[in-house]
Protein backbone atom coordinates (compact mmCIF):
# COMPACT_ATOMS: atom_id res chain seq x y z
CA MET A 1 17.84 21.38 -28.12
CA SER A 2 18.45 24.85 -26.72
CA LEU A 3 18.89 25.20 -22.98
CA THR A 4 17.71 28.81 -23.23
CA ARG A 5 14.40 27.82 -24.82
CA LEU A 6 14.05 24.91 -22.41
CA TRP A 7 14.54 27.21 -19.42
CA ALA A 8 12.08 29.74 -20.85
CA ILE A 9 9.35 27.07 -21.11
CA ALA A 10 10.11 25.83 -17.59
CA ARG A 11 9.97 29.38 -16.21
CA LYS A 12 6.68 30.06 -18.00
CA GLU A 13 5.18 26.84 -16.56
CA ALA A 14 6.41 27.68 -13.07
CA ILE A 15 4.76 31.11 -13.24
CA GLN A 16 1.46 29.56 -14.37
CA LEU A 17 1.70 26.97 -11.63
CA LYS A 18 2.36 29.63 -8.98
CA ARG A 19 -0.81 31.46 -10.03
CA ASP A 20 -2.96 28.33 -10.00
CA LEU A 21 -4.11 27.68 -6.41
CA ARG A 22 -5.78 24.41 -7.40
CA SER A 23 -2.54 22.98 -8.75
CA LEU A 24 -0.58 24.13 -5.68
CA ILE A 25 -3.03 22.38 -3.36
CA LEU A 26 -2.85 19.28 -5.53
CA ALA A 27 0.94 19.43 -5.51
CA PHE A 28 1.70 20.02 -1.84
CA VAL A 29 -1.38 19.48 0.32
CA LEU A 30 -2.94 16.38 -1.24
CA PRO A 31 0.11 14.03 -0.95
CA LEU A 32 0.60 14.91 2.72
CA PHE A 33 -3.11 14.53 3.46
CA LEU A 34 -3.37 11.19 1.68
CA VAL A 35 -0.34 9.61 3.32
CA LEU A 36 -1.53 10.67 6.78
CA VAL A 37 -5.07 9.38 6.21
CA PHE A 38 -4.17 6.18 4.37
CA GLY A 39 -1.22 5.43 6.63
CA ALA A 40 -3.47 5.61 9.68
CA ALA A 41 -6.53 3.96 8.12
CA ILE A 42 -5.03 1.06 6.14
CA SER A 43 -4.01 -1.64 8.56
CA LEU A 44 -3.73 -5.37 7.94
CA ASP A 45 -3.10 -6.13 11.59
CA VAL A 46 -5.84 -8.10 13.34
CA ARG A 47 -5.93 -7.31 17.05
CA ASN A 48 -8.44 -7.05 19.89
CA ILE A 49 -10.62 -9.80 18.46
CA PRO A 50 -13.75 -9.88 20.66
CA PHE A 51 -14.43 -13.39 21.93
CA LEU A 52 -16.69 -15.20 24.37
CA VAL A 53 -16.05 -18.38 26.30
CA VAL A 54 -18.29 -21.38 26.92
CA ASP A 55 -16.48 -23.04 29.81
CA ARG A 56 -18.21 -26.37 30.45
CA ASP A 57 -15.36 -27.63 32.59
CA VAL A 58 -14.81 -24.74 35.05
CA SER A 59 -11.48 -26.03 36.27
CA PRO A 60 -8.08 -24.46 36.95
CA ALA A 61 -6.89 -25.84 33.61
CA SER A 62 -9.75 -24.22 31.68
CA ARG A 63 -9.19 -20.91 33.46
CA GLU A 64 -5.51 -21.09 32.53
CA LEU A 65 -6.49 -21.52 28.90
CA VAL A 66 -8.85 -18.53 28.99
CA ASP A 67 -6.20 -16.42 30.73
CA ALA A 68 -3.74 -17.32 27.98
CA PHE A 69 -6.15 -15.93 25.37
CA ARG A 70 -6.78 -12.78 27.40
CA ALA A 71 -3.09 -12.12 27.96
CA SER A 72 -2.09 -12.65 24.33
CA GLY A 73 -2.97 -9.12 23.20
CA TYR A 74 -4.80 -10.47 20.17
CA PHE A 75 -8.14 -11.30 21.80
CA GLU A 76 -10.48 -9.16 23.86
CA PHE A 77 -12.51 -11.09 26.45
CA GLN A 78 -16.23 -10.22 26.34
CA GLY A 79 -17.59 -12.64 28.95
CA THR A 80 -18.97 -16.16 29.15
CA LEU A 81 -21.94 -18.08 27.77
CA ASP A 82 -23.90 -20.90 29.35
CA ARG A 83 -24.17 -23.07 26.24
CA PRO A 84 -22.75 -23.17 22.68
CA GLY A 85 -26.21 -22.64 21.17
CA GLN A 86 -26.10 -18.99 22.24
CA ALA A 87 -23.08 -18.34 20.03
CA ASP A 88 -24.94 -18.43 16.72
CA ALA A 89 -26.95 -15.25 17.28
CA LEU A 90 -23.94 -13.33 18.62
CA LEU A 91 -21.75 -14.32 15.65
CA ARG A 92 -24.55 -13.50 13.20
CA GLU A 93 -24.94 -10.01 14.68
CA ALA A 94 -21.13 -9.52 14.61
CA ARG A 95 -21.10 -8.73 18.34
CA VAL A 96 -18.14 -11.11 18.72
CA ARG A 97 -15.73 -12.67 16.22
CA MET A 98 -14.96 -15.92 18.05
CA VAL A 99 -16.48 -18.20 20.68
CA LEU A 100 -14.13 -20.55 22.55
CA VAL A 101 -15.86 -23.75 23.69
CA ILE A 102 -14.10 -25.77 26.40
CA PRO A 103 -15.48 -29.33 26.83
CA PRO A 104 -16.64 -30.71 30.23
CA ASP A 105 -13.74 -33.14 30.66
CA TYR A 106 -11.01 -30.72 29.53
CA GLY A 107 -9.09 -30.62 32.83
CA ARG A 108 -9.36 -34.37 33.49
CA ASP A 109 -8.29 -35.31 29.95
CA LEU A 110 -5.44 -32.86 30.11
CA ALA A 111 -4.20 -34.31 33.40
CA GLY A 112 -4.50 -37.81 31.95
CA ARG A 113 -2.63 -36.76 28.79
CA ARG A 114 -5.53 -37.83 26.59
CA GLY A 115 -5.40 -34.68 24.44
CA PRO A 116 -8.64 -32.77 25.01
CA THR A 117 -10.28 -30.96 22.09
CA VAL A 118 -10.99 -27.22 22.28
CA GLN A 119 -13.46 -25.78 19.79
CA ALA A 120 -13.19 -22.31 18.26
CA LEU A 121 -16.30 -20.97 16.52
CA VAL A 122 -15.11 -18.16 14.26
CA ASP A 123 -17.03 -15.64 12.15
CA GLY A 124 -15.87 -16.43 8.60
CA SER A 125 -17.60 -13.54 6.81
CA ASP A 126 -14.17 -11.88 6.72
CA ALA A 127 -12.03 -14.78 5.54
CA ASN A 128 -8.71 -13.03 6.13
CA SER A 129 -9.50 -12.05 9.71
CA ALA A 130 -10.96 -15.49 10.43
CA THR A 131 -7.82 -17.24 9.20
CA ILE A 132 -5.61 -14.97 11.28
CA ALA A 133 -7.80 -15.51 14.37
CA ILE A 134 -7.57 -19.29 13.97
CA ASN A 135 -3.78 -19.07 13.59
CA TYR A 136 -3.58 -16.93 16.73
CA ALA A 137 -5.70 -19.46 18.62
CA ASP A 138 -3.52 -22.34 17.41
CA ALA A 139 -0.39 -20.51 18.55
CA ILE A 140 -1.83 -19.76 21.99
CA VAL A 141 -2.92 -23.35 22.57
CA SER A 142 0.46 -24.60 21.35
CA GLY A 143 2.20 -22.20 23.69
CA LEU A 144 0.64 -23.82 26.73
CA GLY A 145 3.04 -26.70 26.23
CA SER A 146 0.34 -29.31 26.73
CA ARG A 147 -1.23 -31.99 24.59
CA VAL A 148 -4.25 -29.85 23.80
CA VAL A 149 -5.94 -30.35 20.43
CA LEU A 150 -7.69 -27.39 18.72
CA ASP A 151 -10.44 -28.38 16.26
CA GLY A 152 -8.94 -31.80 15.66
CA ARG A 153 -5.32 -30.65 15.25
CA ARG A 154 -2.80 -31.65 17.88
CA ALA A 155 -1.06 -28.58 19.26
CA SER A 156 2.00 -30.18 20.86
CA LEU A 157 4.86 -31.35 18.64
CA PRO A 158 7.98 -33.42 19.42
CA LEU A 159 10.05 -30.54 18.01
CA VAL A 160 9.75 -26.91 19.00
CA ALA A 161 10.01 -24.45 16.11
CA GLU A 162 11.33 -21.01 17.00
CA SER A 163 10.76 -18.48 14.23
CA ARG A 164 12.55 -15.18 13.73
CA VAL A 165 11.13 -12.44 11.50
CA TRP A 166 13.53 -10.26 9.55
CA TYR A 167 13.02 -6.68 8.24
CA ASN A 168 9.65 -6.22 10.00
CA GLU A 169 10.30 -7.80 13.36
CA ALA A 170 7.06 -6.64 14.98
CA LEU A 171 4.99 -7.72 11.94
CA GLU A 172 3.39 -4.27 11.84
CA SER A 173 1.46 -3.71 8.63
CA VAL A 174 2.17 0.04 8.72
CA ARG A 175 5.79 -0.72 7.85
CA MET A 176 4.60 -2.46 4.69
CA VAL A 177 1.83 0.02 3.86
CA VAL A 178 3.63 3.38 4.15
CA PRO A 179 6.49 2.71 1.65
CA GLY A 180 3.93 1.39 -0.83
CA LEU A 181 1.75 4.44 -0.25
CA VAL A 182 4.53 6.66 -1.58
CA ALA A 183 4.35 4.88 -4.93
CA VAL A 184 0.54 4.88 -5.10
CA ILE A 185 0.03 8.50 -4.03
CA MET A 186 2.83 9.99 -6.12
CA ALA A 187 1.73 8.08 -9.23
CA MET A 188 -1.73 9.57 -8.92
CA VAL A 189 -0.74 13.12 -7.94
CA ALA A 190 2.06 13.45 -10.49
CA ALA A 191 -0.06 12.29 -13.42
CA MET A 192 -2.94 14.56 -12.39
CA LEU A 193 -0.61 17.56 -12.12
CA THR A 194 0.84 17.28 -15.61
CA ALA A 195 -2.52 16.24 -17.07
CA LEU A 196 -3.40 19.94 -16.82
CA THR A 197 -0.37 21.33 -18.65
CA ILE A 198 -1.03 21.01 -22.40
CA ALA A 199 -4.81 21.01 -21.92
CA ARG A 200 -4.50 24.34 -20.09
CA GLU A 201 -2.77 25.85 -23.14
CA TRP A 202 -5.61 24.77 -25.42
CA GLU A 203 -8.40 25.93 -23.13
CA ARG A 204 -6.82 29.34 -22.42
CA GLY A 205 -6.05 29.98 -26.07
CA THR A 206 -2.30 30.30 -25.54
CA MET A 207 -1.42 27.39 -27.79
CA GLU A 208 -1.34 29.76 -30.76
CA GLN A 209 1.42 31.77 -29.08
CA LEU A 210 3.34 28.60 -28.23
CA ALA A 211 2.95 27.32 -31.80
CA ALA A 212 4.42 30.55 -33.18
CA THR A 213 7.66 30.15 -31.24
CA PRO A 214 10.68 28.23 -32.57
CA VAL A 215 10.54 25.84 -29.59
CA GLY A 216 10.67 22.16 -30.52
CA ARG A 217 8.30 19.48 -29.25
CA PHE A 218 10.84 17.87 -26.93
CA GLU A 219 11.80 21.27 -25.53
CA VAL A 220 8.15 22.05 -24.75
CA VAL A 221 7.56 18.71 -23.03
CA ALA A 222 10.84 18.75 -21.11
CA GLY A 223 10.40 22.40 -20.11
CA LYS A 224 6.91 21.75 -18.80
CA LEU A 225 8.15 18.71 -16.87
CA LEU A 226 10.96 20.49 -15.01
CA PRO A 227 8.88 22.42 -12.43
CA TYR A 228 6.80 19.33 -11.69
CA ILE A 229 9.88 17.17 -11.29
CA GLY A 230 11.08 19.56 -8.61
CA ILE A 231 7.67 19.47 -6.92
CA GLY A 232 7.61 15.67 -7.11
CA ILE A 233 10.99 15.33 -5.42
CA VAL A 234 9.87 17.69 -2.64
CA ASP A 235 6.67 15.64 -2.21
CA VAL A 236 8.62 12.38 -2.02
CA ALA A 237 10.90 13.93 0.61
CA ILE A 238 7.92 15.12 2.67
CA VAL A 239 6.14 11.77 2.48
CA THR A 240 9.39 9.97 3.38
CA LEU A 241 9.86 12.16 6.45
CA VAL A 242 6.25 11.52 7.49
CA GLY A 243 6.82 7.78 7.19
CA VAL A 244 9.99 7.85 9.26
CA PHE A 245 9.04 10.30 12.02
CA ILE A 246 5.27 9.90 12.32
CA PHE A 247 4.68 6.25 11.40
CA LYS A 248 8.11 5.11 12.68
CA VAL A 249 8.99 3.18 9.53
CA PRO A 250 12.75 2.53 9.46
CA LEU A 251 14.76 3.83 6.50
CA ARG A 252 17.67 1.41 6.30
CA GLY A 253 18.83 1.97 2.73
CA ASP A 254 20.81 4.55 0.78
CA LEU A 255 19.04 7.92 0.79
CA LEU A 256 20.81 9.01 -2.41
CA LEU A 257 19.66 5.88 -4.24
CA LEU A 258 16.13 6.51 -3.00
CA GLY A 259 16.27 10.05 -4.40
CA LEU A 260 17.62 8.97 -7.79
CA LEU A 261 15.07 6.21 -8.26
CA SER A 262 12.30 8.54 -7.10
CA LEU A 263 13.44 10.98 -9.78
CA LEU A 264 13.26 8.24 -12.42
CA PHE A 265 9.77 7.27 -11.25
CA MET A 266 8.56 10.88 -11.21
CA ILE A 267 9.77 11.53 -14.76
CA GLY A 268 7.85 8.48 -15.96
CA VAL A 269 4.50 9.26 -14.34
CA LEU A 270 4.77 12.99 -15.11
CA SER A 271 5.43 12.17 -18.77
CA PHE A 272 2.39 9.93 -18.79
CA GLY A 273 0.32 12.87 -17.51
CA VAL A 274 1.63 15.08 -20.31
CA PHE A 275 0.73 12.38 -22.82
CA ILE A 276 -2.85 12.31 -21.50
CA SER A 277 -3.03 16.12 -21.54
CA ALA A 278 -1.72 16.41 -25.10
CA THR A 279 -4.07 13.70 -26.33
CA LEU A 280 -7.34 14.87 -24.75
CA LYS A 281 -6.86 18.69 -24.72
CA SER A 282 -9.43 19.11 -21.92
CA GLN A 283 -8.39 19.79 -18.32
CA LEU A 284 -11.47 18.15 -16.80
CA LEU A 285 -11.33 15.06 -18.98
CA ALA A 286 -7.54 14.79 -18.66
CA THR A 287 -7.62 14.86 -14.85
CA GLN A 288 -10.39 12.26 -14.74
CA VAL A 289 -8.55 9.93 -17.11
CA ALA A 290 -5.27 10.47 -15.25
CA LEU A 291 -6.94 9.56 -11.95
CA MET A 292 -8.49 6.39 -13.36
CA ALA A 293 -5.35 5.36 -15.25
CA THR A 294 -3.00 5.78 -12.29
CA TYR A 295 -4.75 5.40 -8.94
CA LEU A 296 -6.68 2.17 -9.51
CA PRO A 297 -3.83 0.30 -11.27
CA ALA A 298 -1.33 1.53 -8.68
CA PHE A 299 -3.60 0.49 -5.82
CA LEU A 300 -4.73 -2.87 -7.20
CA LEU A 301 -2.04 -4.10 -9.62
CA SER A 302 1.22 -2.97 -8.00
CA GLY A 303 1.45 -5.53 -5.22
CA PHE A 304 0.79 -2.73 -2.72
CA LEU A 305 -1.90 -4.70 -0.86
CA TYR A 306 -2.56 -7.79 -2.97
CA PRO A 307 0.22 -10.18 -4.09
CA ILE A 308 0.64 -10.13 -7.86
CA ALA A 309 1.38 -13.87 -7.87
CA ASN A 310 -2.19 -14.59 -6.71
CA MET A 311 -3.78 -12.63 -9.56
CA PRO A 312 -5.15 -14.12 -12.81
CA VAL A 313 -2.70 -14.40 -15.70
CA ALA A 314 -4.27 -11.49 -17.60
CA LEU A 315 -3.94 -9.12 -14.64
CA ARG A 316 -0.38 -10.26 -13.96
CA ALA A 317 0.50 -9.41 -17.55
CA LEU A 318 -1.24 -6.03 -17.28
CA SER A 319 0.69 -5.20 -14.11
CA TRP A 320 3.95 -5.00 -16.09
CA ALA A 321 2.68 -1.70 -17.54
CA VAL A 322 2.08 -0.21 -14.07
CA PRO A 323 5.12 1.81 -12.88
CA ALA A 324 4.04 1.56 -9.26
CA ARG A 325 4.67 -2.21 -9.50
CA TYR A 326 8.39 -1.53 -9.74
CA PHE A 327 8.48 1.42 -7.35
CA VAL A 328 6.63 -0.41 -4.56
CA VAL A 329 9.33 -3.11 -4.55
CA ILE A 330 12.04 -0.44 -4.68
CA MET A 331 10.59 1.55 -1.77
CA ARG A 332 10.09 -1.50 0.46
CA GLY A 333 13.53 -2.82 -0.42
CA ILE A 334 15.29 0.46 0.44
CA TYR A 335 13.11 1.25 3.45
CA LEU A 336 12.96 -2.11 5.21
CA LYS A 337 15.82 -4.21 3.83
CA GLY A 338 18.43 -1.61 2.95
CA VAL A 339 19.17 -3.30 -0.39
CA GLY A 340 20.82 -1.61 -3.36
CA VAL A 341 21.14 -1.81 -7.12
CA GLY A 342 22.46 -5.37 -6.98
CA VAL A 343 19.08 -6.59 -5.75
CA LEU A 344 16.74 -4.00 -7.26
CA TRP A 345 18.14 -3.93 -10.80
CA PRO A 346 15.14 -5.77 -12.38
CA GLN A 347 12.76 -3.15 -10.97
CA ILE A 348 15.10 -0.32 -11.99
CA LEU A 349 15.27 -1.70 -15.53
CA GLY A 350 11.48 -2.01 -15.75
CA LEU A 351 11.05 1.53 -14.42
CA ALA A 352 13.62 2.89 -16.89
CA ILE A 353 11.81 1.23 -19.82
CA TYR A 354 8.47 2.64 -18.67
CA THR A 355 9.93 6.16 -18.27
CA THR A 356 11.51 6.06 -21.73
CA VAL A 357 8.28 4.91 -23.37
CA ALA A 358 6.13 7.43 -21.46
CA LEU A 359 8.43 10.34 -22.38
CA ALA A 360 8.49 9.28 -26.05
CA LEU A 361 4.68 9.06 -26.11
CA ALA A 362 4.37 12.52 -24.53
CA VAL A 363 6.67 14.08 -27.15
CA ARG A 364 4.91 12.26 -29.98
CA ALA A 365 1.42 13.25 -28.76
CA PHE A 366 2.26 16.96 -28.54
CA ARG A 367 1.48 18.92 -31.68
CA LYS A 368 2.15 22.59 -32.28
CA GLU A 369 -0.19 22.70 -35.25
CA ILE A 370 -3.50 24.54 -34.81
CA GLY A 371 -6.62 23.20 -36.47
């Protein structure tokens, strides 16, 4: 391999990239736009749950219970109803998500330590939100320190459990989402960028000139990757700064390790884009295939939003071929936990294997022959 020839290919690709406004927008504007939009839009937090109250007791004890729900920060009080039968229509129309029904003898049973039952009617059309709302309600009732029973489950226990959350103390989903977004967005953008490289040569008729040069296949692939590797590192730095300063996600790990592993990830996904470009030889088709082959797997099969352990066996096996699976764990580990190679080595090994295979496929798929 000649460094002179390698640098000549890299310089040629950088000049082409500088003249291509579409690629520049894709390289610098799209990652920033996506992380801002997705970081603000994707939230797994369930707050301000609208609820109504059917207070059939109207006692100081029942008012204390309602006040506890209102002061929790999770529920938004919408008013009262006269009877439980009115709740069905409101839940069906999604005007409220929960109706709290307090029985007539709530205060008397509570004073007599007979364990009154409080009913929560919850809209279950969104199973995740319904489960979280029920858990919030259980916690609020338990926090009253009385022998209240919610939907048949006794809230008071002889032992008091005090939990402490590590790494994401406020349980804010944005701290989980933003580091994963870096993996998802950069996998998509990087593959789409390099999906244009070889296909552009074929469509513009410059492949004949490239084929006539003494440049080897690896030199062509590596030279075309170099400008995009630099762009990818800049994009990762920009997205990281956005996460830290705009979304307030803590960066507790080693910044140098983050940069090195980001470089390894970028080489892998960029090489995969070159492989697609060299195989299909059409810019339009290559970008479409790159988008489908990177964005959906990275979003669905990386553990970004959905735990891989809960997936069917076939999808769990398929996820091993998704580089974002490894990089999501790496980003969250460095961002939130501050862990290093000693903990992340399985993900680093998987990412290194993927990068090696992707680069080998890109070199093998590239042909200088015309015809």
